[in-house]
Amino acid sequence: MNIQILGTGCPKCKKLAEAVEAVATELQLEYSIEKITDINQIMAFGVMMTPALAVDGKIKAVGKVLSPDEIKKFLTA
């Protein structure tokens, strides 16, 4: 599973990345996390607000830090 955190490195982006990593580890998933900070790459996903979460190249959430339960839903779907 490839998890992508899209954001410029703001505190919310870092918080989302930490939360996603914690949940993925808790669920014992085989995953890699990629942090996309380049604004052009972020816009290529069609994302206009950060942070955003993508799983295997598909945008799952935009513009907010997700709760652990919300993250679990996206990572186990």
C-alpha atoms as a PDB file:
ATOM      1  CA  MET A   1       0.000   0.000   0.000  1.00  0.00           C
ATOM      2  CA  ASN A   2       1.352   3.411  -0.963  1.00  0.00           C
ATOM      3  CA  ILE A   3       0.148   6.219   1.282  1.00  0.00           C
ATOM      4  CA  GLN A   4       0.726   9.786   0.130  1.00  0.00           C
ATOM      5  CA  ILE A   5       0.508  12.882   2.301  1.00  0.00           C
ATOM      6  CA  LEU A   6       0.067  15.980   0.161  1.00  0.00           C
ATOM      7  CA  GLY A   7       1.057  19.241   1.801  1.00  0.00           C
ATOM      8  CA  THR A   8       3.711  21.895   2.023  1.00  0.00           C
ATOM      9  CA  GLY A   9       5.013  20.781   5.414  1.00  0.00           C
ATOM     10  CA  CYS A  10       2.685  22.868   7.600  1.00  0.00           C
ATOM     11  CA  PRO A  11       1.854  21.710  11.158  1.00  0.00           C
ATOM     12  CA  LYS A  12      -1.448  20.156   9.992  1.00  0.00           C
ATOM     13  CA  CYS A  13       0.370  18.207   7.270  1.00  0.00           C
ATOM     14  CA  LYS A  14       2.877  16.872   9.795  1.00  0.00           C
ATOM     15  CA  LYS A  15       0.090  15.950  12.218  1.00  0.00           C
ATOM     16  CA  LEU A  16      -1.760  14.025   9.481  1.00  0.00           C
ATOM     17  CA  ALA A  17       1.434  12.188   8.500  1.00  0.00           C
ATOM     18  CA  GLU A  18       2.103  11.175  12.108  1.00  0.00           C
ATOM     19  CA  ALA A  19      -1.491  10.004  12.611  1.00  0.00           C
ATOM     20  CA  VAL A  20      -1.493   7.957   9.390  1.00  0.00           C
ATOM     21  CA  GLU A  21       1.814   6.333  10.302  1.00  0.00           C
ATOM     22  CA  ALA A  22       0.539   5.441  13.779  1.00  0.00           C
ATOM     23  CA  VAL A  23      -2.665   3.876  12.417  1.00  0.00           C
ATOM     24  CA  ALA A  24      -0.876   1.946   9.647  1.00  0.00           C
ATOM     25  CA  THR A  25       1.597   0.569  12.193  1.00  0.00           C
ATOM     26  CA  GLU A  26      -1.210  -0.312  14.620  1.00  0.00           C
ATOM     27  CA  LEU A  27      -3.044  -2.188  11.845  1.00  0.00           C
ATOM     28  CA  GLN A  28       0.230  -3.957  10.933  1.00  0.00           C
ATOM     29  CA  LEU A  29      -0.131  -2.960   7.284  1.00  0.00           C
ATOM     30  CA  GLU A  30       2.607  -3.311   4.720  1.00  0.00           C
ATOM     31  CA  TYR A  31       2.932   0.299   3.573  1.00  0.00           C
ATOM     32  CA  SER A  32       5.159   3.088   2.391  1.00  0.00           C
ATOM     33  CA  ILE A  33       4.548   6.764   3.072  1.00  0.00           C
ATOM     34  CA  GLU A  34       5.420   9.401   0.520  1.00  0.00           C
ATOM     35  CA  LYS A  35       5.258  13.064   1.451  1.00  0.00           C
ATOM     36  CA  ILE A  36       4.476  15.237  -1.564  1.00  0.00           C
ATOM     37  CA  THR A  37       5.416  18.851  -0.891  1.00  0.00           C
ATOM     38  CA  ASP A  38       5.793  20.222  -4.425  1.00  0.00           C
ATOM     39  CA  ILE A  39       2.827  22.493  -5.145  1.00  0.00           C
ATOM     40  CA  ASN A  40       2.725  21.474  -8.817  1.00  0.00           C
ATOM     41  CA  GLN A  41       2.517  17.784  -7.921  1.00  0.00           C
ATOM     42  CA  ILE A  42      -0.186  18.539  -5.338  1.00  0.00           C
ATOM     43  CA  MET A  43      -2.208  20.449  -7.938  1.00  0.00           C
ATOM     44  CA  ALA A  44      -1.764  17.567 -10.416  1.00  0.00           C
ATOM     45  CA  PHE A  45      -3.884  15.496  -8.012  1.00  0.00           C
ATOM     46  CA  GLY A  46      -6.586  18.177  -8.240  1.00  0.00           C
ATOM     47  CA  VAL A  47      -6.011  19.163  -4.611  1.00  0.00           C
ATOM     48  CA  MET A  48      -6.532  22.823  -3.736  1.00  0.00           C
ATOM     49  CA  MET A  49      -6.433  22.553   0.078  1.00  0.00           C
ATOM     50  CA  THR A  50      -3.890  20.752   2.225  1.00  0.00           C
ATOM     51  CA  PRO A  51      -3.303  18.496   3.942  1.00  0.00           C
ATOM     52  CA  ALA A  52      -4.620  15.743   1.713  1.00  0.00           C
ATOM     53  CA  LEU A  53      -4.429  11.973   1.980  1.00  0.00           C
ATOM     54  CA  ALA A  54      -4.094   9.647  -0.996  1.00  0.00           C
ATOM     55  CA  VAL A  55      -3.997   5.860  -0.846  1.00  0.00           C
ATOM     56  CA  ASP A  56      -2.540   4.067  -3.869  1.00  0.00           C
ATOM     57  CA  GLY A  57      -2.819   7.282  -5.900  1.00  0.00           C
ATOM     58  CA  LYS A  58      -6.489   7.964  -5.079  1.00  0.00           C
ATOM     59  CA  ILE A  59      -7.421  11.039  -3.035  1.00  0.00           C
ATOM     60  CA  LYS A  60      -9.323  10.053   0.116  1.00  0.00           C
ATOM     61  CA  ALA A  61      -9.501  13.314   2.104  1.00  0.00           C
ATOM     62  CA  VAL A  62      -8.666  16.980   1.547  1.00  0.00           C
ATOM     63  CA  GLY A  63      -8.202  19.969   3.819  1.00  0.00           C
ATOM     64  CA  LYS A  64      -8.314  18.427   7.279  1.00  0.00           C
ATOM     65  CA  VAL A  65      -6.471  16.335   9.805  1.00  0.00           C
ATOM     66  CA  LEU A  66      -8.354  13.057  10.052  1.00  0.00           C
ATOM     67  CA  SER A  67      -9.191  11.216  13.244  1.00  0.00           C
ATOM     68  CA  PRO A  68      -7.645   7.761  13.770  1.00  0.00           C
ATOM     69  CA  ASP A  69     -11.052   6.164  13.060  1.00  0.00           C
ATOM     70  CA  GLU A  70     -11.383   8.032   9.752  1.00  0.00           C
ATOM     71  CA  ILE A  71      -7.855   6.982   8.777  1.00  0.00           C
ATOM     72  CA  LYS A  72      -8.603   3.321   9.634  1.00  0.00           C
ATOM     73  CA  LYS A  73     -11.641   3.433   7.350  1.00  0.00           C
ATOM     74  CA  PHE A  74      -9.516   4.630   4.403  1.00  0.00           C
ATOM     75  CA  LEU A  75      -6.647   2.221   5.012  1.00  0.00           C
ATOM     76  CA  THR A  76      -8.827  -0.862   5.387  1.00  0.00           C
ATOM     77  CA  ALA A  77     -11.318  -0.157   2.582  1.00  0.00           C
END
